[in-house]
Amino acid sequence: MGKINIGAFTDRITFLKAVNSKGQIAQLHKQYVVLTSVFANVQVLPTSESVVDGNLISLEKIHVETYTLPGINTNCIIRWGSYDYNISSVVYDKTRPFMELDAIKMLNDER
């Protein structure tokens, strides 16, 4: 974990957690519940492209640095601006109260 500058925590992000519930005929419904909103340093990483169902998709990735929060894991998502991002990794600093996360922008049909 590199040097963290808390003065760079200028972006407001929201952590959400997926909660599954059953419908009337046993289908699963996924809803997202807000855990907390915090300030963080968000950096957009170089974009990679892939083909999904015959369409070329640009997968935007972000790197987030923020204070350590209990309960944040890869089952959570990040809402930054009007977009949602699946968390792909979480690294906690062992000596300081910070964590770093990597996340990939969700496609419209994943929400």
N, C-alpha and C. Protein backbone atom coordinates (compact mmCIF):
# COMPACT_ATOMS: atom_id res chain seq x y z
N MET A 1 0.86 -1.16 0.00
CA MET A 1 0.00 0.00 0.00
C MET A 1 0.91 1.22 0.00
N GLY A 2 0.65 2.12 -0.93
CA GLY A 2 1.49 3.30 -1.05
C GLY A 2 1.12 4.39 -0.07
N LYS A 3 1.73 5.54 -0.29
CA LYS A 3 1.46 6.68 0.57
C LYS A 3 0.07 7.23 0.25
N ILE A 4 -0.71 7.50 1.29
CA ILE A 4 -2.08 7.98 1.10
C ILE A 4 -2.15 9.43 1.56
N ASN A 5 -2.73 10.28 0.71
CA ASN A 5 -2.90 11.70 1.00
C ASN A 5 -4.38 11.95 1.28
N ILE A 6 -4.74 12.14 2.56
CA ILE A 6 -6.15 12.33 2.87
C ILE A 6 -6.71 13.65 2.34
N GLY A 7 -5.82 14.57 1.96
CA GLY A 7 -6.27 15.81 1.33
C GLY A 7 -6.85 15.56 -0.05
N ALA A 8 -6.56 14.38 -0.62
CA ALA A 8 -7.09 14.03 -1.94
C ALA A 8 -8.46 13.36 -1.85
N PHE A 9 -9.00 13.20 -0.64
CA PHE A 9 -10.31 12.57 -0.47
C PHE A 9 -11.39 13.61 -0.79
N THR A 10 -11.59 13.88 -2.06
CA THR A 10 -12.52 14.92 -2.50
C THR A 10 -13.76 14.37 -3.20
N ASP A 11 -13.78 13.08 -3.48
CA ASP A 11 -14.91 12.47 -4.17
C ASP A 11 -15.85 11.81 -3.16
N ARG A 12 -17.13 12.03 -3.31
CA ARG A 12 -18.11 11.41 -2.41
C ARG A 12 -18.59 10.12 -3.07
N ILE A 13 -18.44 9.00 -2.36
CA ILE A 13 -18.90 7.71 -2.87
C ILE A 13 -19.86 7.09 -1.86
N THR A 14 -20.68 6.18 -2.35
CA THR A 14 -21.63 5.47 -1.49
C THR A 14 -21.38 3.98 -1.65
N PHE A 15 -21.30 3.28 -0.53
CA PHE A 15 -21.18 1.83 -0.54
C PHE A 15 -22.58 1.24 -0.37
N LEU A 16 -22.90 0.26 -1.22
CA LEU A 16 -24.18 -0.43 -1.15
C LEU A 16 -23.93 -1.94 -1.07
N LYS A 17 -24.83 -2.64 -0.43
CA LYS A 17 -24.71 -4.09 -0.29
C LYS A 17 -25.94 -4.74 -0.90
N ALA A 18 -25.73 -5.83 -1.65
CA ALA A 18 -26.83 -6.56 -2.27
C ALA A 18 -27.57 -7.39 -1.24
N VAL A 19 -28.89 -7.31 -1.28
CA VAL A 19 -29.74 -8.12 -0.42
C VAL A 19 -30.70 -8.87 -1.33
N ASN A 20 -30.67 -10.20 -1.24
CA ASN A 20 -31.55 -11.03 -2.05
C ASN A 20 -32.82 -11.35 -1.29
N SER A 21 -33.95 -11.30 -1.99
CA SER A 21 -35.23 -11.68 -1.39
C SER A 21 -35.99 -12.51 -2.42
N LYS A 22 -36.92 -13.30 -1.93
CA LYS A 22 -37.71 -14.15 -2.82
C LYS A 22 -39.03 -13.48 -3.16
N GLY A 23 -39.43 -13.66 -4.42
CA GLY A 23 -40.72 -13.15 -4.85
C GLY A 23 -41.82 -14.14 -4.56
N GLN A 24 -43.00 -13.91 -5.10
CA GLN A 24 -44.15 -14.77 -4.84
C GLN A 24 -43.99 -16.17 -5.41
N ILE A 25 -43.30 -16.30 -6.53
CA ILE A 25 -43.10 -17.63 -7.12
C ILE A 25 -41.63 -18.03 -7.08
N ALA A 26 -40.97 -17.71 -5.98
CA ALA A 26 -39.61 -18.15 -5.64
C ALA A 26 -38.51 -17.58 -6.52
N GLN A 27 -38.79 -16.55 -7.30
CA GLN A 27 -37.72 -15.91 -8.05
C GLN A 27 -36.95 -14.97 -7.11
N LEU A 28 -35.67 -14.85 -7.36
CA LEU A 28 -34.84 -13.99 -6.52
C LEU A 28 -34.86 -12.56 -7.03
N HIS A 29 -35.00 -11.62 -6.10
CA HIS A 29 -34.92 -10.19 -6.41
C HIS A 29 -33.70 -9.64 -5.68
N LYS A 30 -32.86 -8.94 -6.40
CA LYS A 30 -31.69 -8.33 -5.78
C LYS A 30 -31.95 -6.85 -5.60
N GLN A 31 -31.82 -6.39 -4.37
CA GLN A 31 -31.96 -4.98 -4.07
C GLN A 31 -30.68 -4.52 -3.40
N TYR A 32 -30.34 -3.26 -3.60
CA TYR A 32 -29.14 -2.71 -2.98
C TYR A 32 -29.53 -1.79 -1.84
N VAL A 33 -28.90 -2.01 -0.70
CA VAL A 33 -29.15 -1.22 0.50
C VAL A 33 -27.92 -0.37 0.78
N VAL A 34 -28.13 0.91 1.05
CA VAL A 34 -27.03 1.83 1.32
C VAL A 34 -26.40 1.48 2.66
N LEU A 35 -25.07 1.29 2.66
CA LEU A 35 -24.33 1.07 3.90
C LEU A 35 -23.86 2.40 4.49
N THR A 36 -23.14 3.18 3.67
CA THR A 36 -22.62 4.46 4.13
C THR A 36 -22.12 5.28 2.94
N SER A 37 -21.99 6.57 3.14
CA SER A 37 -21.38 7.47 2.17
C SER A 37 -20.14 8.08 2.81
N VAL A 38 -19.06 8.14 2.05
CA VAL A 38 -17.79 8.65 2.57
C VAL A 38 -17.08 9.47 1.50
N PHE A 39 -16.06 10.20 1.94
CA PHE A 39 -15.18 10.88 0.99
C PHE A 39 -14.00 9.97 0.69
N ALA A 40 -13.55 10.01 -0.55
CA ALA A 40 -12.48 9.12 -0.98
C ALA A 40 -11.70 9.77 -2.11
N ASN A 41 -10.56 9.17 -2.42
CA ASN A 41 -9.78 9.54 -3.58
C ASN A 41 -10.09 8.50 -4.65
N VAL A 42 -10.71 8.92 -5.75
CA VAL A 42 -11.09 8.01 -6.83
C VAL A 42 -10.25 8.34 -8.06
N GLN A 43 -9.60 7.33 -8.59
CA GLN A 43 -8.79 7.48 -9.80
C GLN A 43 -9.33 6.54 -10.87
N VAL A 44 -9.58 7.08 -12.05
CA VAL A 44 -10.03 6.26 -13.17
C VAL A 44 -8.80 5.62 -13.80
N LEU A 45 -8.83 4.30 -13.94
CA LEU A 45 -7.71 3.55 -14.50
C LEU A 45 -7.89 3.39 -16.00
N PRO A 46 -6.82 3.04 -16.71
CA PRO A 46 -6.96 2.80 -18.16
C PRO A 46 -8.05 1.78 -18.45
N THR A 47 -8.83 2.03 -19.47
CA THR A 47 -9.99 1.21 -19.81
C THR A 47 -9.59 0.05 -20.71
N SER A 48 -10.17 -1.11 -20.44
CA SER A 48 -9.97 -2.26 -21.33
C SER A 48 -11.27 -2.51 -22.08
N GLU A 49 -11.18 -3.15 -23.21
CA GLU A 49 -12.35 -3.43 -24.02
C GLU A 49 -12.55 -4.93 -24.11
N SER A 50 -13.81 -5.35 -24.17
CA SER A 50 -14.11 -6.76 -24.37
C SER A 50 -15.41 -6.87 -25.16
N VAL A 51 -15.65 -8.06 -25.70
CA VAL A 51 -16.85 -8.30 -26.48
C VAL A 51 -17.84 -9.05 -25.61
N VAL A 52 -19.04 -8.48 -25.44
CA VAL A 52 -20.11 -9.10 -24.66
C VAL A 52 -21.33 -9.20 -25.56
N ASP A 53 -21.79 -10.43 -25.81
CA ASP A 53 -22.95 -10.68 -26.67
C ASP A 53 -22.80 -10.00 -28.03
N GLY A 54 -21.61 -10.04 -28.58
CA GLY A 54 -21.37 -9.46 -29.90
C GLY A 54 -21.19 -7.96 -29.92
N ASN A 55 -21.22 -7.31 -28.77
CA ASN A 55 -21.04 -5.86 -28.69
C ASN A 55 -19.72 -5.54 -28.04
N LEU A 56 -19.04 -4.53 -28.55
CA LEU A 56 -17.78 -4.08 -27.97
C LEU A 56 -18.09 -3.20 -26.76
N ILE A 57 -17.60 -3.60 -25.59
CA ILE A 57 -17.89 -2.91 -24.34
C ILE A 57 -16.58 -2.39 -23.75
N SER A 58 -16.56 -1.13 -23.34
CA SER A 58 -15.42 -0.57 -22.63
C SER A 58 -15.69 -0.69 -21.13
N LEU A 59 -14.83 -1.42 -20.44
CA LEU A 59 -15.01 -1.64 -19.01
C LEU A 59 -14.17 -0.63 -18.24
N GLU A 60 -14.83 0.38 -17.69
CA GLU A 60 -14.14 1.40 -16.92
C GLU A 60 -13.79 0.85 -15.54
N LYS A 61 -12.55 1.06 -15.14
CA LYS A 61 -12.09 0.61 -13.82
C LYS A 61 -11.71 1.83 -13.00
N ILE A 62 -11.94 1.72 -11.69
CA ILE A 62 -11.53 2.78 -10.78
C ILE A 62 -10.71 2.20 -9.63
N HIS A 63 -9.86 3.04 -9.07
CA HIS A 63 -9.08 2.70 -7.88
C HIS A 63 -9.49 3.70 -6.81
N VAL A 64 -9.88 3.20 -5.63
CA VAL A 64 -10.42 4.04 -4.57
C VAL A 64 -9.56 3.91 -3.32
N GLU A 65 -9.25 5.03 -2.71
CA GLU A 65 -8.58 5.05 -1.40
C GLU A 65 -9.50 5.78 -0.44
N THR A 66 -9.74 5.18 0.73
CA THR A 66 -10.62 5.79 1.73
C THR A 66 -10.29 5.21 3.10
N TYR A 67 -11.00 5.70 4.09
CA TYR A 67 -10.83 5.18 5.45
C TYR A 67 -11.38 3.76 5.54
N THR A 68 -10.82 2.95 6.42
CA THR A 68 -11.28 1.58 6.61
C THR A 68 -12.70 1.59 7.16
N LEU A 69 -13.56 0.79 6.56
CA LEU A 69 -14.95 0.67 6.98
C LEU A 69 -15.28 -0.80 7.19
N PRO A 70 -15.88 -1.15 8.31
CA PRO A 70 -16.22 -2.56 8.53
C PRO A 70 -17.34 -3.01 7.59
N GLY A 71 -17.27 -4.25 7.15
CA GLY A 71 -18.32 -4.82 6.31
C GLY A 71 -18.17 -4.58 4.83
N ILE A 72 -17.15 -3.87 4.41
CA ILE A 72 -16.94 -3.64 2.98
C ILE A 72 -16.15 -4.81 2.42
N ASN A 73 -16.72 -5.46 1.39
CA ASN A 73 -16.06 -6.60 0.75
C ASN A 73 -16.49 -6.66 -0.71
N THR A 74 -16.14 -7.74 -1.39
CA THR A 74 -16.43 -7.85 -2.82
C THR A 74 -17.91 -8.13 -3.12
N ASN A 75 -18.73 -8.28 -2.09
CA ASN A 75 -20.18 -8.42 -2.28
C ASN A 75 -20.86 -7.05 -2.32
N CYS A 76 -20.11 -6.00 -2.11
CA CYS A 76 -20.65 -4.64 -2.11
C CYS A 76 -20.39 -3.98 -3.46
N ILE A 77 -21.08 -2.87 -3.69
CA ILE A 77 -20.81 -2.06 -4.88
C ILE A 77 -20.55 -0.63 -4.42
N ILE A 78 -19.94 0.14 -5.33
CA ILE A 78 -19.67 1.55 -5.09
C ILE A 78 -20.53 2.36 -6.05
N ARG A 79 -21.21 3.37 -5.54
CA ARG A 79 -21.92 4.32 -6.39
C ARG A 79 -21.12 5.60 -6.38
N TRP A 80 -20.65 5.99 -7.55
CA TRP A 80 -19.85 7.21 -7.70
C TRP A 80 -20.49 8.02 -8.82
N GLY A 81 -20.98 9.18 -8.49
CA GLY A 81 -21.74 9.96 -9.47
C GLY A 81 -23.04 9.22 -9.75
N SER A 82 -23.32 8.98 -11.01
CA SER A 82 -24.55 8.26 -11.37
C SER A 82 -24.26 6.83 -11.83
N TYR A 83 -23.06 6.33 -11.56
CA TYR A 83 -22.67 4.99 -12.01
C TYR A 83 -22.38 4.08 -10.82
N ASP A 84 -22.60 2.79 -11.04
CA ASP A 84 -22.32 1.78 -10.03
C ASP A 84 -21.13 0.94 -10.48
N TYR A 85 -20.32 0.51 -9.51
CA TYR A 85 -19.11 -0.25 -9.78
C TYR A 85 -19.06 -1.47 -8.87
N ASN A 86 -18.81 -2.65 -9.46
CA ASN A 86 -18.61 -3.88 -8.69
C ASN A 86 -17.21 -3.86 -8.09
N ILE A 87 -17.10 -4.09 -6.79
CA ILE A 87 -15.79 -4.12 -6.14
C ILE A 87 -15.13 -5.44 -6.48
N SER A 88 -13.92 -5.38 -7.03
CA SER A 88 -13.19 -6.60 -7.40
C SER A 88 -12.10 -6.96 -6.40
N SER A 89 -11.61 -5.99 -5.63
CA SER A 89 -10.61 -6.30 -4.60
C SER A 89 -10.62 -5.23 -3.52
N VAL A 90 -10.30 -5.67 -2.30
CA VAL A 90 -10.21 -4.78 -1.14
C VAL A 90 -8.91 -5.10 -0.43
N VAL A 91 -8.08 -4.07 -0.18
CA VAL A 91 -6.82 -4.26 0.55
C VAL A 91 -6.83 -3.31 1.74
N TYR A 92 -6.72 -3.88 2.93
CA TYR A 92 -6.69 -3.08 4.16
C TYR A 92 -5.24 -2.81 4.55
N ASP A 93 -4.96 -1.59 4.98
CA ASP A 93 -3.64 -1.24 5.49
C ASP A 93 -3.54 -1.78 6.91
N LYS A 94 -2.48 -2.53 7.20
CA LYS A 94 -2.34 -3.15 8.52
C LYS A 94 -1.94 -2.17 9.61
N THR A 95 -1.31 -1.05 9.24
CA THR A 95 -0.80 -0.12 10.24
C THR A 95 -1.57 1.19 10.33
N ARG A 96 -2.35 1.50 9.30
CA ARG A 96 -3.10 2.76 9.29
C ARG A 96 -4.57 2.47 8.97
N PRO A 97 -5.48 3.36 9.32
CA PRO A 97 -6.91 3.10 9.13
C PRO A 97 -7.41 3.42 7.72
N PHE A 98 -6.77 2.83 6.70
CA PHE A 98 -7.15 3.09 5.31
C PHE A 98 -7.33 1.77 4.58
N MET A 99 -8.07 1.84 3.46
CA MET A 99 -8.21 0.70 2.57
C MET A 99 -8.18 1.18 1.13
N GLU A 100 -7.77 0.28 0.25
CA GLU A 100 -7.76 0.55 -1.18
C GLU A 100 -8.65 -0.47 -1.86
N LEU A 101 -9.44 -0.01 -2.83
CA LEU A 101 -10.36 -0.87 -3.53
C LEU A 101 -10.19 -0.69 -5.03
N ASP A 102 -10.40 -1.76 -5.77
CA ASP A 102 -10.49 -1.69 -7.22
C ASP A 102 -11.90 -2.11 -7.59
N ALA A 103 -12.47 -1.46 -8.60
CA ALA A 103 -13.85 -1.75 -8.98
C ALA A 103 -14.02 -1.57 -10.49
N ILE A 104 -15.00 -2.28 -11.05
CA ILE A 104 -15.29 -2.25 -12.47
C ILE A 104 -16.72 -1.75 -12.66
N LYS A 105 -16.90 -0.84 -13.60
CA LYS A 105 -18.21 -0.25 -13.86
C LYS A 105 -19.21 -1.33 -14.26
N MET A 106 -20.39 -1.28 -13.65
CA MET A 106 -21.44 -2.25 -13.94
C MET A 106 -22.12 -1.92 -15.26
N LEU A 107 -22.51 -2.97 -15.98
CA LEU A 107 -23.30 -2.78 -17.18
C LEU A 107 -24.73 -2.49 -16.78
N ASN A 108 -25.51 -1.89 -17.66
CA ASN A 108 -26.88 -1.51 -17.33
C ASN A 108 -27.74 -2.68 -16.89
N ASP A 109 -27.54 -3.87 -17.49
CA ASP A 109 -28.40 -5.01 -17.16
C ASP A 109 -27.94 -5.74 -15.90
N GLU A 110 -26.86 -5.31 -15.26
CA GLU A 110 -26.41 -5.92 -14.01
C GLU A 110 -27.09 -5.31 -12.80
N ARG A 111 -27.72 -4.19 -12.94
CA ARG A 111 -28.30 -3.47 -11.79
C ARG A 111 -29.59 -4.08 -11.34
